[in-house]
Amino acid sequence: MRIVIAGGHGQIALRLGRLLAARGDEAIGIIRKPEQSEDLREAGTEPVVLDLESATTEEVAEVLRGADAAVFAAGAGPNSGTERKDTVDRGAAVLFADAAEQAGVRRYLVVSSMGADPDHPGHEVFDAYLRAKGEADAYVRSRPNLDWTILRPGMLVNDAGTGQVLLASSTGRGPVPRDDVAAALLELLDTPATAGLTLELISGQVPVTVAVKDVAGN
């Protein structure tokens, strides 16, 4: 498979790139900073330098053409303000979805956030983040030409993955290693029957492959 990942230098994206490369798939990571290119290559991912805050739909669609799936894993980052929550966490996700449709890429995965909601109240930066992610998720759900799956992990940690998760439409709060998020994304890419689902993910007691098959109804 050829998979294009927005936010290719993110911690989950790099892990996903390694998993894809390890089994012989082609991973392409969209990054904003050229100096991040070597990190992607070391992870087995081909870097493409393109700023999703200023790129056109056509420029992004050109990268996506011929891909089997698109994964939106970009984010403004924990030190960004409310403005970039809108331009990246919402705006770039909308742009990437539009570009996927234009390029004819139907399979579309989103790394969202537990609690994402367009109507989330509050005036703090994290509140703005949850609204932006919620608005992006709602936009993706509205696109008729995307076979989307939205994954909303719990609290992300850098502990080694266990391969054991709880994956459901609602899981309750809890931590999850980034390793296991990447593993879940890989399994979701392989499971088209999860299209149309919004799923929460935390650590649990079910192997990732089984958890994904369960939610897909297999």
C-alpha atoms as a PDB file:
ATOM      1  CA  MET A   1       0.000   0.000   0.000  1.00  0.00           C
ATOM      2  CA  ARG A   2       0.961   3.629  -0.487  1.00  0.00           C
ATOM      3  CA  ILE A   3      -0.024   5.694   2.550  1.00  0.00           C
ATOM      4  CA  VAL A   4       0.300   9.483   2.836  1.00  0.00           C
ATOM      5  CA  ILE A   5       0.573  10.813   6.391  1.00  0.00           C
ATOM      6  CA  ALA A   6      -0.045  14.473   7.212  1.00  0.00           C
ATOM      7  CA  GLY A   7       2.097  15.571  10.133  1.00  0.00           C
ATOM      8  CA  GLY A   8       4.733  13.033   9.205  1.00  0.00           C
ATOM      9  CA  HIS A   9       7.189  14.099  11.914  1.00  0.00           C
ATOM     10  CA  GLY A  10       4.736  13.590  14.758  1.00  0.00           C
ATOM     11  CA  GLN A  11       5.473  10.873  17.284  1.00  0.00           C
ATOM     12  CA  ILE A  12       2.560   8.680  16.205  1.00  0.00           C
ATOM     13  CA  ALA A  13       3.235   9.319  12.508  1.00  0.00           C
ATOM     14  CA  LEU A  14       6.881   8.268  12.793  1.00  0.00           C
ATOM     15  CA  ARG A  15       5.835   5.072  14.554  1.00  0.00           C
ATOM     16  CA  LEU A  16       3.233   4.344  11.881  1.00  0.00           C
ATOM     17  CA  GLY A  17       5.825   4.967   9.180  1.00  0.00           C
ATOM     18  CA  ARG A  18       8.140   2.407  10.762  1.00  0.00           C
ATOM     19  CA  LEU A  19       5.363  -0.179  10.916  1.00  0.00           C
ATOM     20  CA  LEU A  20       4.415   0.394   7.284  1.00  0.00           C
ATOM     21  CA  ALA A  21       8.020   0.256   6.090  1.00  0.00           C
ATOM     22  CA  ALA A  22       8.689  -2.917   8.085  1.00  0.00           C
ATOM     23  CA  ARG A  23       6.090  -4.819   6.097  1.00  0.00           C
ATOM     24  CA  GLY A  24       7.064  -3.342   2.751  1.00  0.00           C
ATOM     25  CA  ASP A  25       4.441  -0.631   2.330  1.00  0.00           C
ATOM     26  CA  GLU A  26       5.277   2.833   1.017  1.00  0.00           C
ATOM     27  CA  ALA A  27       4.845   5.615   3.572  1.00  0.00           C
ATOM     28  CA  ILE A  28       4.983   9.286   2.552  1.00  0.00           C
ATOM     29  CA  GLY A  29       5.104  11.899   5.302  1.00  0.00           C
ATOM     30  CA  ILE A  30       4.119  15.525   4.755  1.00  0.00           C
ATOM     31  CA  ILE A  31       6.256  17.842   6.885  1.00  0.00           C
ATOM     32  CA  ARG A  32       6.631  21.593   7.242  1.00  0.00           C
ATOM     33  CA  LYS A  33      10.337  21.780   8.120  1.00  0.00           C
ATOM     34  CA  PRO A  34      12.971  20.449   5.686  1.00  0.00           C
ATOM     35  CA  GLU A  35      15.318  19.669   8.585  1.00  0.00           C
ATOM     36  CA  GLN A  36      12.887  16.944   9.711  1.00  0.00           C
ATOM     37  CA  SER A  37      13.430  14.972   6.498  1.00  0.00           C
ATOM     38  CA  GLU A  38      16.214  12.771   7.825  1.00  0.00           C
ATOM     39  CA  ASP A  39      14.136  11.646  10.803  1.00  0.00           C
ATOM     40  CA  LEU A  40      11.481  10.441   8.396  1.00  0.00           C
ATOM     41  CA  ARG A  41      13.965   8.624   6.192  1.00  0.00           C
ATOM     42  CA  GLU A  42      15.365   6.833   9.239  1.00  0.00           C
ATOM     43  CA  ALA A  43      11.808   5.681   9.995  1.00  0.00           C
ATOM     44  CA  GLY A  44      11.401   4.386   6.447  1.00  0.00           C
ATOM     45  CA  THR A  45       9.138   7.230   5.362  1.00  0.00           C
ATOM     46  CA  GLU A  46       9.607   9.366   2.250  1.00  0.00           C
ATOM     47  CA  PRO A  47       9.452  13.062   3.256  1.00  0.00           C
ATOM     48  CA  VAL A  48       7.509  15.661   1.302  1.00  0.00           C
ATOM     49  CA  VAL A  49       8.004  19.259   2.449  1.00  0.00           C
ATOM     50  CA  LEU A  50       4.688  21.115   2.237  1.00  0.00           C
ATOM     51  CA  ASP A  51       3.143  23.577   4.687  1.00  0.00           C
ATOM     52  CA  LEU A  52      -0.497  22.588   5.211  1.00  0.00           C
ATOM     53  CA  GLU A  53      -1.232  26.046   6.614  1.00  0.00           C
ATOM     54  CA  SER A  54      -0.447  27.720   3.286  1.00  0.00           C
ATOM     55  CA  ALA A  55      -0.660  24.984   0.629  1.00  0.00           C
ATOM     56  CA  THR A  56      -3.475  24.824  -1.909  1.00  0.00           C
ATOM     57  CA  THR A  57      -5.824  21.901  -2.245  1.00  0.00           C
ATOM     58  CA  GLU A  58      -4.257  21.052  -5.593  1.00  0.00           C
ATOM     59  CA  GLU A  59      -0.733  21.010  -4.148  1.00  0.00           C
ATOM     60  CA  VAL A  60      -1.793  18.540  -1.467  1.00  0.00           C
ATOM     61  CA  ALA A  61      -3.855  16.489  -3.926  1.00  0.00           C
ATOM     62  CA  GLU A  62      -0.756  16.095  -6.084  1.00  0.00           C
ATOM     63  CA  VAL A  63       1.008  14.367  -3.181  1.00  0.00           C
ATOM     64  CA  LEU A  64      -2.024  12.188  -2.529  1.00  0.00           C
ATOM     65  CA  ARG A  65      -2.617  10.981  -6.080  1.00  0.00           C
ATOM     66  CA  GLY A  66      -2.119   7.247  -6.387  1.00  0.00           C
ATOM     67  CA  ALA A  67      -2.270   6.649  -2.629  1.00  0.00           C
ATOM     68  CA  ASP A  68      -4.325   3.837  -1.135  1.00  0.00           C
ATOM     69  CA  ALA A  69      -5.095   5.820   2.000  1.00  0.00           C
ATOM     70  CA  ALA A  70      -4.519   9.124   3.760  1.00  0.00           C
ATOM     71  CA  VAL A  71      -3.841   9.546   7.480  1.00  0.00           C
ATOM     72  CA  PHE A  72      -4.259  12.937   9.146  1.00  0.00           C
ATOM     73  CA  ALA A  73      -1.898  12.951  12.133  1.00  0.00           C
ATOM     74  CA  ALA A  74      -0.893  16.624  12.099  1.00  0.00           C
ATOM     75  CA  GLY A  75      -1.259  18.948  15.060  1.00  0.00           C
ATOM     76  CA  ALA A  76      -0.282  22.437  16.090  1.00  0.00           C
ATOM     77  CA  GLY A  77       1.548  21.086  19.127  1.00  0.00           C
ATOM     78  CA  PRO A  78       1.227  21.668  22.871  1.00  0.00           C
ATOM     79  CA  ASN A  79       2.995  25.037  22.872  1.00  0.00           C
ATOM     80  CA  SER A  80       0.842  26.644  20.176  1.00  0.00           C
ATOM     81  CA  GLY A  81      -1.901  29.194  20.756  1.00  0.00           C
ATOM     82  CA  THR A  82      -5.561  29.264  19.811  1.00  0.00           C
ATOM     83  CA  GLU A  83      -4.877  30.662  16.327  1.00  0.00           C
ATOM     84  CA  ARG A  84      -2.828  27.643  15.242  1.00  0.00           C
ATOM     85  CA  LYS A  85      -5.341  25.267  16.774  1.00  0.00           C
ATOM     86  CA  ASP A  86      -7.690  26.657  14.145  1.00  0.00           C
ATOM     87  CA  THR A  87      -5.248  26.782  11.226  1.00  0.00           C
ATOM     88  CA  VAL A  88      -3.715  23.338  11.826  1.00  0.00           C
ATOM     89  CA  ASP A  89      -6.008  21.143  13.918  1.00  0.00           C
ATOM     90  CA  ARG A  90      -9.086  22.320  12.011  1.00  0.00           C
ATOM     91  CA  GLY A  91      -7.929  24.060   8.830  1.00  0.00           C
ATOM     92  CA  ALA A  92      -5.223  21.613   7.756  1.00  0.00           C
ATOM     93  CA  ALA A  93      -7.544  18.669   8.430  1.00  0.00           C
ATOM     94  CA  VAL A  94     -10.217  20.221   6.210  1.00  0.00           C
ATOM     95  CA  LEU A  95      -7.644  20.919   3.489  1.00  0.00           C
ATOM     96  CA  PHE A  96      -6.304  17.361   3.652  1.00  0.00           C
ATOM     97  CA  ALA A  97      -9.826  15.922   3.391  1.00  0.00           C
ATOM     98  CA  ASP A  98     -10.624  18.136   0.390  1.00  0.00           C
ATOM     99  CA  ALA A  99      -7.343  17.134  -1.265  1.00  0.00           C
ATOM    100  CA  ALA A 100      -8.019  13.436  -0.667  1.00  0.00           C
ATOM    101  CA  GLU A 101     -11.392  13.750  -2.359  1.00  0.00           C
ATOM    102  CA  GLN A 102      -9.853  15.648  -5.259  1.00  0.00           C
ATOM    103  CA  ALA A 103      -7.150  12.994  -5.636  1.00  0.00           C
ATOM    104  CA  GLY A 104      -9.667  10.158  -5.495  1.00  0.00           C
ATOM    105  CA  VAL A 105      -8.318   8.705  -2.239  1.00  0.00           C
ATOM    106  CA  ARG A 106     -11.305   7.284  -0.401  1.00  0.00           C
ATOM    107  CA  ARG A 107      -9.743   5.708   2.708  1.00  0.00           C
ATOM    108  CA  TYR A 108      -9.135   8.467   5.228  1.00  0.00           C
ATOM    109  CA  LEU A 109      -8.013   8.033   8.833  1.00  0.00           C
ATOM    110  CA  VAL A 110      -7.957  10.819  11.401  1.00  0.00           C
ATOM    111  CA  VAL A 111      -6.000  10.913  14.637  1.00  0.00           C
ATOM    112  CA  SER A 112      -8.345  13.033  16.724  1.00  0.00           C
ATOM    113  CA  SER A 113      -8.642  13.525  20.465  1.00  0.00           C
ATOM    114  CA  MET A 114     -10.877  12.167  23.170  1.00  0.00           C
ATOM    115  CA  GLY A 115     -13.374  14.891  24.023  1.00  0.00           C
ATOM    116  CA  ALA A 116     -13.236  16.568  20.613  1.00  0.00           C
ATOM    117  CA  ASP A 117     -16.478  18.506  20.159  1.00  0.00           C
ATOM    118  CA  PRO A 118     -17.343  21.541  17.998  1.00  0.00           C
ATOM    119  CA  ASP A 119     -19.445  22.859  20.903  1.00  0.00           C
ATOM    120  CA  HIS A 120     -16.907  22.228  23.657  1.00  0.00           C
ATOM    121  CA  PRO A 121     -17.171  25.109  26.163  1.00  0.00           C
ATOM    122  CA  GLY A 122     -14.364  27.097  27.729  1.00  0.00           C
ATOM    123  CA  HIS A 123     -11.809  29.779  26.932  1.00  0.00           C
ATOM    124  CA  GLU A 124      -8.496  28.002  27.539  1.00  0.00           C
ATOM    125  CA  VAL A 125      -6.175  26.929  24.722  1.00  0.00           C
ATOM    126  CA  PHE A 126      -7.036  23.270  25.272  1.00  0.00           C
ATOM    127  CA  ASP A 127     -10.724  24.116  24.944  1.00  0.00           C
ATOM    128  CA  ALA A 128      -9.984  25.733  21.589  1.00  0.00           C
ATOM    129  CA  TYR A 129      -8.066  22.599  20.610  1.00  0.00           C
ATOM    130  CA  LEU A 130     -11.000  20.307  21.391  1.00  0.00           C
ATOM    131  CA  ARG A 131     -13.347  22.575  19.419  1.00  0.00           C
ATOM    132  CA  ALA A 132     -10.961  22.631  16.451  1.00  0.00           C
ATOM    133  CA  LYS A 133     -10.604  18.846  16.453  1.00  0.00           C
ATOM    134  CA  GLY A 134     -14.365  18.474  16.809  1.00  0.00           C
ATOM    135  CA  GLU A 135     -15.016  20.794  13.870  1.00  0.00           C
ATOM    136  CA  ALA A 136     -12.480  18.900  11.758  1.00  0.00           C
ATOM    137  CA  ASP A 137     -14.063  15.562  12.653  1.00  0.00           C
ATOM    138  CA  ALA A 138     -17.523  16.873  11.772  1.00  0.00           C
ATOM    139  CA  TYR A 139     -16.261  18.107   8.410  1.00  0.00           C
ATOM    140  CA  VAL A 140     -14.659  14.764   7.583  1.00  0.00           C
ATOM    141  CA  ARG A 141     -17.865  12.940   8.511  1.00  0.00           C
ATOM    142  CA  SER A 142     -19.775  15.148   6.057  1.00  0.00           C
ATOM    143  CA  ARG A 143     -17.652  14.198   3.032  1.00  0.00           C
ATOM    144  CA  PRO A 144     -19.541  11.723   0.828  1.00  0.00           C
ATOM    145  CA  ASN A 145     -16.463  10.496  -1.038  1.00  0.00           C
ATOM    146  CA  LEU A 146     -14.365   9.543   1.987  1.00  0.00           C
ATOM    147  CA  ASP A 147     -14.380   6.175   3.731  1.00  0.00           C
ATOM    148  CA  TRP A 148     -13.314   7.748   7.004  1.00  0.00           C
ATOM    149  CA  THR A 149     -12.438   6.356  10.397  1.00  0.00           C
ATOM    150  CA  ILE A 150     -11.801   8.739  13.296  1.00  0.00           C
ATOM    151  CA  LEU A 151      -9.563   7.475  16.100  1.00  0.00           C
ATOM    152  CA  ARG A 152      -9.656   9.325  19.423  1.00  0.00           C
ATOM    153  CA  PRO A 153      -6.881   8.129  21.739  1.00  0.00           C
ATOM    154  CA  GLY A 154      -6.834   8.765  25.456  1.00  0.00           C
ATOM    155  CA  MET A 155      -3.871  10.342  27.232  1.00  0.00           C
ATOM    156  CA  LEU A 156      -0.820   9.676  25.085  1.00  0.00           C
ATOM    157  CA  VAL A 157       2.236   8.240  26.821  1.00  0.00           C
ATOM    158  CA  ASN A 158       5.658   7.105  25.617  1.00  0.00           C
ATOM    159  CA  ASP A 159       5.663   3.839  27.531  1.00  0.00           C
ATOM    160  CA  ALA A 160       6.429   0.792  25.397  1.00  0.00           C
ATOM    161  CA  GLY A 161       3.333  -0.518  23.683  1.00  0.00           C
ATOM    162  CA  THR A 162       1.702  -3.633  25.103  1.00  0.00           C
ATOM    163  CA  GLY A 163      -0.420  -4.473  22.058  1.00  0.00           C
ATOM    164  CA  GLN A 164      -3.389  -4.715  24.435  1.00  0.00           C
ATOM    165  CA  VAL A 165      -6.109  -2.074  24.075  1.00  0.00           C
ATOM    166  CA  LEU A 166      -9.713  -1.120  24.637  1.00  0.00           C
ATOM    167  CA  LEU A 167     -11.251   0.154  21.394  1.00  0.00           C
ATOM    168  CA  ALA A 168     -14.889   1.215  21.299  1.00  0.00           C
ATOM    169  CA  SER A 169     -17.207   4.102  20.483  1.00  0.00           C
ATOM    170  CA  SER A 170     -16.827   5.100  24.138  1.00  0.00           C
ATOM    171  CA  THR A 171     -14.119   3.776  26.441  1.00  0.00           C
ATOM    172  CA  GLY A 172     -13.897   6.241  29.288  1.00  0.00           C
ATOM    173  CA  ARG A 173     -10.685   8.066  30.107  1.00  0.00           C
ATOM    174  CA  GLY A 174      -7.317   6.387  30.307  1.00  0.00           C
ATOM    175  CA  PRO A 175      -3.759   6.400  28.989  1.00  0.00           C
ATOM    176  CA  VAL A 176      -2.490   4.689  25.853  1.00  0.00           C
ATOM    177  CA  PRO A 177       1.067   4.320  24.553  1.00  0.00           C
ATOM    178  CA  ARG A 178       1.780   5.976  21.223  1.00  0.00           C
ATOM    179  CA  ASP A 179       3.128   2.594  20.053  1.00  0.00           C
ATOM    180  CA  ASP A 180      -0.340   1.112  20.457  1.00  0.00           C
ATOM    181  CA  VAL A 181      -2.022   4.039  18.696  1.00  0.00           C
ATOM    182  CA  ALA A 182       0.236   3.469  15.679  1.00  0.00           C
ATOM    183  CA  ALA A 183      -0.497  -0.256  15.782  1.00  0.00           C
ATOM    184  CA  ALA A 184      -4.232   0.469  15.864  1.00  0.00           C
ATOM    185  CA  LEU A 185      -3.917   2.810  12.882  1.00  0.00           C
ATOM    186  CA  LEU A 186      -2.105   0.111  10.928  1.00  0.00           C
ATOM    187  CA  GLU A 187      -4.842  -2.391  11.687  1.00  0.00           C
ATOM    188  CA  LEU A 188      -7.554   0.134  10.790  1.00  0.00           C
ATOM    189  CA  LEU A 189      -5.870   0.731   7.436  1.00  0.00           C
ATOM    190  CA  ASP A 190      -6.172  -3.005   6.806  1.00  0.00           C
ATOM    191  CA  THR A 191      -9.836  -3.113   7.859  1.00  0.00           C
ATOM    192  CA  PRO A 192     -12.089  -1.181   5.448  1.00  0.00           C
ATOM    193  CA  ALA A 193     -15.150  -2.308   7.403  1.00  0.00           C
ATOM    194  CA  THR A 194     -14.269   0.273  10.083  1.00  0.00           C
ATOM    195  CA  ALA A 195     -15.212   3.087   7.690  1.00  0.00           C
ATOM    196  CA  GLY A 196     -17.819   5.385   9.198  1.00  0.00           C
ATOM    197  CA  LEU A 197     -16.778   4.703  12.788  1.00  0.00           C
ATOM    198  CA  THR A 198     -15.566   7.145  15.437  1.00  0.00           C
ATOM    199  CA  LEU A 199     -13.575   5.158  17.986  1.00  0.00           C
ATOM    200  CA  GLU A 200     -11.910   5.839  21.310  1.00  0.00           C
ATOM    201  CA  LEU A 201      -8.731   4.018  22.278  1.00  0.00           C
ATOM    202  CA  ILE A 202      -7.074   3.387  25.627  1.00  0.00           C
ATOM    203  CA  SER A 203      -4.932   0.632  27.079  1.00  0.00           C
ATOM    204  CA  GLY A 204      -6.847  -2.554  27.777  1.00  0.00           C
ATOM    205  CA  GLN A 205      -6.699  -6.332  27.646  1.00  0.00           C
ATOM    206  CA  VAL A 206      -7.598  -7.136  24.025  1.00  0.00           C
ATOM    207  CA  PRO A 207      -4.958  -7.566  21.292  1.00  0.00           C
ATOM    208  CA  VAL A 208      -5.075  -4.737  18.762  1.00  0.00           C
ATOM    209  CA  THR A 209      -5.913  -7.031  15.847  1.00  0.00           C
ATOM    210  CA  VAL A 210      -8.820  -8.585  17.743  1.00  0.00           C
ATOM    211  CA  ALA A 211     -10.073  -5.209  18.987  1.00  0.00           C
ATOM    212  CA  VAL A 212     -10.263  -3.828  15.450  1.00  0.00           C
ATOM    213  CA  LYS A 213     -11.996  -6.949  14.121  1.00  0.00           C
ATOM    214  CA  ASP A 214     -14.517  -6.696  16.960  1.00  0.00           C
ATOM    215  CA  VAL A 215     -15.510  -3.110  16.186  1.00  0.00           C
ATOM    216  CA  ALA A 216     -15.670  -3.941  12.475  1.00  0.00           C
ATOM    217  CA  GLY A 217     -18.129  -6.724  13.221  1.00  0.00           C
ATOM    218  CA  ASN A 218     -15.841  -9.443  11.856  1.00  0.00           C
END
